[in-house]
Amino acid sequence: MMPLTFAKPGEANVIKKVGGREKTRLFLEKLGFVEGSVVTVVAENAGNLIVNIKDSRVAIDKDMASKILV
């Protein structure tokens, strides 16, 4: 497992675990970041990651992305 921040752009990854405090986990869960979901890093922009998850494009900061293990 590795944090989402290390994923290569364009490569599909399956989420294995979402860590962090409960508030953070619930926020990510509402965005679709749950175990078993496929997430693809589209781009990195000014310290943020732009990812595709469940047919949506979402921007998350690196701190939050480091809590998502793929």
PDB file of N, CA and C in Angstrom:
ATOM      1  N   MET A   1       0.835  -1.191   0.000  1.00  0.00           N
ATOM      2  CA  MET A   1       0.000   0.000   0.000  1.00  0.00           C
ATOM      3  C   MET A   1       0.876   1.249   0.000  1.00  0.00           C
ATOM      4  N   MET A   2       0.355   2.278  -0.654  1.00  0.00           N
ATOM      5  CA  MET A   2       1.060   3.556  -0.677  1.00  0.00           C
ATOM      6  C   MET A   2       0.027   4.674  -0.632  1.00  0.00           C
ATOM      7  N   PRO A   3       0.432   5.855  -0.157  1.00  0.00           N
ATOM      8  CA  PRO A   3      -0.504   6.990  -0.163  1.00  0.00           C
ATOM      9  C   PRO A   3      -0.836   7.413  -1.598  1.00  0.00           C
ATOM     10  N   LEU A   4      -1.999   7.955  -1.788  1.00  0.00           N
ATOM     11  CA  LEU A   4      -2.436   8.410  -3.107  1.00  0.00           C
ATOM     12  C   LEU A   4      -1.483   9.449  -3.688  1.00  0.00           C
ATOM     13  N   THR A   5      -0.767  10.171  -2.824  1.00  0.00           N
ATOM     14  CA  THR A   5       0.167  11.200  -3.296  1.00  0.00           C
ATOM     15  C   THR A   5       1.289  10.607  -4.146  1.00  0.00           C
ATOM     16  N   PHE A   6       1.568   9.302  -4.012  1.00  0.00           N
ATOM     17  CA  PHE A   6       2.627   8.655  -4.790  1.00  0.00           C
ATOM     18  C   PHE A   6       2.122   8.000  -6.070  1.00  0.00           C
ATOM     19  N   ALA A   7       0.828   8.036  -6.312  1.00  0.00           N
ATOM     20  CA  ALA A   7       0.257   7.416  -7.512  1.00  0.00           C
ATOM     21  C   ALA A   7       0.655   8.199  -8.756  1.00  0.00           C
ATOM     22  N   LYS A   8       0.869   7.475  -9.841  1.00  0.00           N
ATOM     23  CA  LYS A   8       1.238   8.113 -11.104  1.00  0.00           C
ATOM     24  C   LYS A   8      -0.008   8.643 -11.804  1.00  0.00           C
ATOM     25  N   PRO A   9       0.077   9.833 -12.387  1.00  0.00           N
ATOM     26  CA  PRO A   9      -1.070  10.377 -13.123  1.00  0.00           C
ATOM     27  C   PRO A   9      -1.498   9.434 -14.248  1.00  0.00           C
ATOM     28  N   GLY A  10      -2.806   9.266 -14.379  1.00  0.00           N
ATOM     29  CA  GLY A  10      -3.348   8.422 -15.432  1.00  0.00           C
ATOM     30  C   GLY A  10      -3.473   6.952 -15.060  1.00  0.00           C
ATOM     31  N   GLU A  11      -2.929   6.569 -13.933  1.00  0.00           N
ATOM     32  CA  GLU A  11      -2.949   5.168 -13.514  1.00  0.00           C
ATOM     33  C   GLU A  11      -4.126   4.936 -12.562  1.00  0.00           C
ATOM     34  N   ALA A  12      -4.959   3.939 -12.872  1.00  0.00           N
ATOM     35  CA  ALA A  12      -6.102   3.621 -12.006  1.00  0.00           C
ATOM     36  C   ALA A  12      -5.614   2.856 -10.779  1.00  0.00           C
ATOM     37  N   ASN A  13      -6.092   3.245  -9.607  1.00  0.00           N
ATOM     38  CA  ASN A  13      -5.720   2.598  -8.348  1.00  0.00           C
ATOM     39  C   ASN A  13      -6.977   2.267  -7.568  1.00  0.00           C
ATOM     40  N   VAL A  14      -6.926   1.157  -6.845  1.00  0.00           N
ATOM     41  CA  VAL A  14      -8.046   0.765  -5.991  1.00  0.00           C
ATOM     42  C   VAL A  14      -7.736   1.211  -4.563  1.00  0.00           C
ATOM     43  N   ILE A  15      -8.688   1.874  -3.930  1.00  0.00           N
ATOM     44  CA  ILE A  15      -8.504   2.341  -2.550  1.00  0.00           C
ATOM     45  C   ILE A  15      -8.552   1.145  -1.603  1.00  0.00           C
ATOM     46  N   LYS A  16      -7.504   0.994  -0.814  1.00  0.00           N
ATOM     47  CA  LYS A  16      -7.425  -0.115   0.132  1.00  0.00           C
ATOM     48  C   LYS A  16      -7.790   0.310   1.545  1.00  0.00           C
ATOM     49  N   LYS A  17      -7.518   1.571   1.880  1.00  0.00           N
ATOM     50  CA  LYS A  17      -7.811   2.053   3.233  1.00  0.00           C
ATOM     51  C   LYS A  17      -7.869   3.576   3.223  1.00  0.00           C
ATOM     52  N   VAL A  18      -8.773   4.126   4.040  1.00  0.00           N
ATOM     53  CA  VAL A  18      -8.852   5.575   4.231  1.00  0.00           C
ATOM     54  C   VAL A  18      -8.581   5.830   5.703  1.00  0.00           C
ATOM     55  N   GLY A  19      -7.517   6.562   5.994  1.00  0.00           N
ATOM     56  CA  GLY A  19      -7.114   6.821   7.372  1.00  0.00           C
ATOM     57  C   GLY A  19      -7.484   8.222   7.810  1.00  0.00           C
ATOM     58  N   GLY A  20      -6.901   8.637   8.915  1.00  0.00           N
ATOM     59  CA  GLY A  20      -7.149   9.976   9.442  1.00  0.00           C
ATOM     60  C   GLY A  20      -8.199   9.964  10.526  1.00  0.00           C
ATOM     61  N   ARG A  21      -8.491  11.160  11.020  1.00  0.00           N
ATOM     62  CA  ARG A  21      -9.513  11.302  12.061  1.00  0.00           C
ATOM     63  C   ARG A  21     -10.890  10.989  11.485  1.00  0.00           C
ATOM     64  N   GLU A  22     -11.830  10.687  12.351  1.00  0.00           N
ATOM     65  CA  GLU A  22     -13.172  10.301  11.907  1.00  0.00           C
ATOM     66  C   GLU A  22     -13.808  11.370  11.031  1.00  0.00           C
ATOM     67  N   LYS A  23     -13.639  12.638  11.404  1.00  0.00           N
ATOM     68  CA  LYS A  23     -14.205  13.742  10.624  1.00  0.00           C
ATOM     69  C   LYS A  23     -13.650  13.737   9.196  1.00  0.00           C
ATOM     70  N   THR A  24     -12.343  13.516   9.076  1.00  0.00           N
ATOM     71  CA  THR A  24     -11.697  13.479   7.766  1.00  0.00           C
ATOM     72  C   THR A  24     -12.192  12.284   6.961  1.00  0.00           C
ATOM     73  N   ARG A  25     -12.263  11.116   7.605  1.00  0.00           N
ATOM     74  CA  ARG A  25     -12.726   9.911   6.911  1.00  0.00           C
ATOM     75  C   ARG A  25     -14.156  10.066   6.404  1.00  0.00           C
ATOM     76  N   LEU A  26     -15.024  10.639   7.223  1.00  0.00           N
ATOM     77  CA  LEU A  26     -16.415  10.839   6.812  1.00  0.00           C
ATOM     78  C   LEU A  26     -16.511  11.810   5.634  1.00  0.00           C
ATOM     79  N   PHE A  27     -15.708  12.873   5.660  1.00  0.00           N
ATOM     80  CA  PHE A  27     -15.691  13.835   4.555  1.00  0.00           C
ATOM     81  C   PHE A  27     -15.261  13.149   3.257  1.00  0.00           C
ATOM     82  N   LEU A  28     -14.181  12.369   3.330  1.00  0.00           N
ATOM     83  CA  LEU A  28     -13.697  11.671   2.143  1.00  0.00           C
ATOM     84  C   LEU A  28     -14.704  10.636   1.654  1.00  0.00           C
ATOM     85  N   GLU A  29     -15.367   9.972   2.595  1.00  0.00           N
ATOM     86  CA  GLU A  29     -16.377   8.973   2.240  1.00  0.00           C
ATOM     87  C   GLU A  29     -17.519   9.613   1.456  1.00  0.00           C
ATOM     88  N   LYS A  30     -17.933  10.806   1.857  1.00  0.00           N
ATOM     89  CA  LYS A  30     -19.009  11.506   1.154  1.00  0.00           C
ATOM     90  C   LYS A  30     -18.614  11.877  -0.268  1.00  0.00           C
ATOM     91  N   LEU A  31     -17.319  12.071  -0.491  1.00  0.00           N
ATOM     92  CA  LEU A  31     -16.825  12.381  -1.830  1.00  0.00           C
ATOM     93  C   LEU A  31     -16.659  11.123  -2.684  1.00  0.00           C
ATOM     94  N   GLY A  32     -16.792   9.947  -2.061  1.00  0.00           N
ATOM     95  CA  GLY A  32     -16.673   8.694  -2.803  1.00  0.00           C
ATOM     96  C   GLY A  32     -15.396   7.921  -2.539  1.00  0.00           C
ATOM     97  N   PHE A  33     -14.548   8.432  -1.641  1.00  0.00           N
ATOM     98  CA  PHE A  33     -13.287   7.753  -1.327  1.00  0.00           C
ATOM     99  C   PHE A  33     -13.542   6.663  -0.286  1.00  0.00           C
ATOM    100  N   VAL A  34     -13.964   5.493  -0.764  1.00  0.00           N
ATOM    101  CA  VAL A  34     -14.236   4.355   0.117  1.00  0.00           C
ATOM    102  C   VAL A  34     -13.431   3.153  -0.377  1.00  0.00           C
ATOM    103  N   GLU A  35     -13.169   2.222   0.529  1.00  0.00           N
ATOM    104  CA  GLU A  35     -12.414   1.023   0.176  1.00  0.00           C
ATOM    105  C   GLU A  35     -13.067   0.319  -1.006  1.00  0.00           C
ATOM    106  N   GLY A  36     -12.231  -0.077  -1.961  1.00  0.00           N
ATOM    107  CA  GLY A  36     -12.717  -0.780  -3.142  1.00  0.00           C
ATOM    108  C   GLY A  36     -13.012   0.122  -4.326  1.00  0.00           C
ATOM    109  N   SER A  37     -13.119   1.425  -4.107  1.00  0.00           N
ATOM    110  CA  SER A  37     -13.375   2.358  -5.211  1.00  0.00           C
ATOM    111  C   SER A  37     -12.112   2.546  -6.040  1.00  0.00           C
ATOM    112  N   VAL A  38     -12.314   2.822  -7.313  1.00  0.00           N
ATOM    113  CA  VAL A  38     -11.186   3.086  -8.213  1.00  0.00           C
ATOM    114  C   VAL A  38     -10.982   4.591  -8.301  1.00  0.00           C
ATOM    115  N   VAL A  39      -9.733   5.015  -8.101  1.00  0.00           N
ATOM    116  CA  VAL A  39      -9.391   6.432  -8.159  1.00  0.00           C
ATOM    117  C   VAL A  39      -8.216   6.609  -9.117  1.00  0.00           C
ATOM    118  N   THR A  40      -8.280   7.656  -9.940  1.00  0.00           N
ATOM    119  CA  THR A  40      -7.218   7.947 -10.899  1.00  0.00           C
ATOM    120  C   THR A  40      -6.759   9.382 -10.708  1.00  0.00           C
ATOM    121  N   VAL A  41      -5.459   9.563 -10.523  1.00  0.00           N
ATOM    122  CA  VAL A  41      -4.901  10.919 -10.426  1.00  0.00           C
ATOM    123  C   VAL A  41      -4.866  11.507 -11.833  1.00  0.00           C
ATOM    124  N   VAL A  42      -5.508  12.648 -12.009  1.00  0.00           N
ATOM    125  CA  VAL A  42      -5.540  13.312 -13.315  1.00  0.00           C
ATOM    126  C   VAL A  42      -4.345  14.252 -13.441  1.00  0.00           C
ATOM    127  N   ALA A  43      -4.122  15.054 -12.389  1.00  0.00           N
ATOM    128  CA  ALA A  43      -3.037  16.038 -12.439  1.00  0.00           C
ATOM    129  C   ALA A  43      -2.689  16.485 -11.029  1.00  0.00           C
ATOM    130  N   GLU A  44      -1.522  17.114 -10.952  1.00  0.00           N
ATOM    131  CA  GLU A  44      -1.105  17.739  -9.702  1.00  0.00           C
ATOM    132  C   GLU A  44      -0.999  19.224  -9.985  1.00  0.00           C
ATOM    133  N   ASN A  45      -1.652  20.044  -9.148  1.00  0.00           N
ATOM    134  CA  ASN A  45      -1.711  21.470  -9.415  1.00  0.00           C
ATOM    135  C   ASN A  45      -1.530  22.257  -8.123  1.00  0.00           C
ATOM    136  N   ALA A  46      -0.444  22.974  -8.005  1.00  0.00           N
ATOM    137  CA  ALA A  46      -0.177  23.844  -6.847  1.00  0.00           C
ATOM    138  C   ALA A  46      -0.315  23.111  -5.522  1.00  0.00           C
ATOM    139  N   GLY A  47       0.222  21.908  -5.463  1.00  0.00           N
ATOM    140  CA  GLY A  47       0.183  21.153  -4.221  1.00  0.00           C
ATOM    141  C   GLY A  47      -1.099  20.381  -3.994  1.00  0.00           C
ATOM    142  N   ASN A  48      -2.021  20.462  -4.917  1.00  0.00           N
ATOM    143  CA  ASN A  48      -3.272  19.716  -4.820  1.00  0.00           C
ATOM    144  C   ASN A  48      -3.300  18.615  -5.870  1.00  0.00           C
ATOM    145  N   LEU A  49      -4.077  17.573  -5.600  1.00  0.00           N
ATOM    146  CA  LEU A  49      -4.258  16.512  -6.578  1.00  0.00           C
ATOM    147  C   LEU A  49      -5.652  16.632  -7.171  1.00  0.00           C
ATOM    148  N   ILE A  50      -5.725  16.494  -8.474  1.00  0.00           N
ATOM    149  CA  ILE A  50      -7.017  16.429  -9.142  1.00  0.00           C
ATOM    150  C   ILE A  50      -7.202  14.964  -9.519  1.00  0.00           C
ATOM    151  N   VAL A  51      -8.292  14.369  -9.020  1.00  0.00           N
ATOM    152  CA  VAL A  51      -8.511  12.941  -9.222  1.00  0.00           C
ATOM    153  C   VAL A  51      -9.897  12.683  -9.802  1.00  0.00           C
ATOM    154  N   ASN A  52     -10.007  11.564 -10.505  1.00  0.00           N
ATOM    155  CA  ASN A  52     -11.304  11.067 -10.956  1.00  0.00           C
ATOM    156  C   ASN A  52     -11.731   9.983  -9.999  1.00  0.00           C
ATOM    157  N   ILE A  53     -12.933  10.093  -9.475  1.00  0.00           N
ATOM    158  CA  ILE A  53     -13.502   9.059  -8.614  1.00  0.00           C
ATOM    159  C   ILE A  53     -14.995   8.997  -8.874  1.00  0.00           C
ATOM    160  N   LYS A  54     -15.487   7.807  -9.155  1.00  0.00           N
ATOM    161  CA  LYS A  54     -16.927   7.588  -9.401  1.00  0.00           C
ATOM    162  C   LYS A  54     -17.488   8.606 -10.387  1.00  0.00           C
ATOM    163  N   ASP A  55     -16.883   8.730 -11.549  1.00  0.00           N
ATOM    164  CA  ASP A  55     -17.334   9.620 -12.622  1.00  0.00           C
ATOM    165  C   ASP A  55     -17.364  11.092 -12.239  1.00  0.00           C
ATOM    166  N   SER A  56     -16.592  11.477 -11.226  1.00  0.00           N
ATOM    167  CA  SER A  56     -16.486  12.882 -10.832  1.00  0.00           C
ATOM    168  C   SER A  56     -15.021  13.275 -10.753  1.00  0.00           C
ATOM    169  N   ARG A  57     -14.767  14.541 -10.981  1.00  0.00           N
ATOM    170  CA  ARG A  57     -13.410  15.067 -10.842  1.00  0.00           C
ATOM    171  C   ARG A  57     -13.368  15.896  -9.565  1.00  0.00           C
ATOM    172  N   VAL A  58     -12.426  15.554  -8.675  1.00  0.00           N
ATOM    173  CA  VAL A  58     -12.348  16.183  -7.363  1.00  0.00           C
ATOM    174  C   VAL A  58     -10.920  16.670  -7.126  1.00  0.00           C
ATOM    175  N   ALA A  59     -10.781  17.847  -6.518  1.00  0.00           N
ATOM    176  CA  ALA A  59      -9.464  18.358  -6.124  1.00  0.00           C
ATOM    177  C   ALA A  59      -9.339  18.196  -4.610  1.00  0.00           C
ATOM    178  N   ILE A  60      -8.251  17.551  -4.171  1.00  0.00           N
ATOM    179  CA  ILE A  60      -7.986  17.412  -2.738  1.00  0.00           C
ATOM    180  C   ILE A  60      -6.545  17.812  -2.467  1.00  0.00           C
ATOM    181  N   ASP A  61      -6.288  18.326  -1.270  1.00  0.00           N
ATOM    182  CA  ASP A  61      -4.918  18.728  -0.961  1.00  0.00           C
ATOM    183  C   ASP A  61      -4.081  17.500  -0.616  1.00  0.00           C
ATOM    184  N   LYS A  62      -2.758  17.686  -0.655  1.00  0.00           N
ATOM    185  CA  LYS A  62      -1.844  16.554  -0.446  1.00  0.00           C
ATOM    186  C   LYS A  62      -1.987  15.945   0.939  1.00  0.00           C
ATOM    187  N   ASP A  63      -2.306  16.761   1.932  1.00  0.00           N
ATOM    188  CA  ASP A  63      -2.467  16.231   3.281  1.00  0.00           C
ATOM    189  C   ASP A  63      -3.612  15.222   3.319  1.00  0.00           C
ATOM    190  N   MET A  64      -4.715  15.572   2.684  1.00  0.00           N
ATOM    191  CA  MET A  64      -5.855  14.664   2.653  1.00  0.00           C
ATOM    192  C   MET A  64      -5.553  13.451   1.770  1.00  0.00           C
ATOM    193  N   ALA A  65      -4.886  13.674   0.658  1.00  0.00           N
ATOM    194  CA  ALA A  65      -4.545  12.572  -0.241  1.00  0.00           C
ATOM    195  C   ALA A  65      -3.604  11.571   0.416  1.00  0.00           C
ATOM    196  N   SER A  66      -2.777  12.050   1.351  1.00  0.00           N
ATOM    197  CA  SER A  66      -1.834  11.138   2.028  1.00  0.00           C
ATOM    198  C   SER A  66      -2.558  10.179   2.970  1.00  0.00           C
ATOM    199  N   LYS A  67      -3.797  10.462   3.300  1.00  0.00           N
ATOM    200  CA  LYS A  67      -4.586   9.593   4.192  1.00  0.00           C
ATOM    201  C   LYS A  67      -5.304   8.484   3.409  1.00  0.00           C
ATOM    202  N   ILE A  68      -5.280   8.579   2.069  1.00  0.00           N
ATOM    203  CA  ILE A  68      -5.925   7.582   1.213  1.00  0.00           C
ATOM    204  C   ILE A  68      -4.848   6.613   0.729  1.00  0.00           C
ATOM    205  N   LEU A  69      -4.958   5.362   1.121  1.00  0.00           N
ATOM    206  CA  LEU A  69      -3.968   4.363   0.742  1.00  0.00           C
ATOM    207  C   LEU A  69      -4.479   3.511  -0.407  1.00  0.00           C
ATOM    208  N   VAL A  70      -3.633   3.370  -1.426  1.00  0.00           N
ATOM    209  CA  VAL A  70      -3.992   2.580  -2.603  1.00  0.00           C
ATOM    210  C   VAL A  70      -3.018   1.441  -2.795  1.00  0.00           C
TER     211      VAL A  70
END
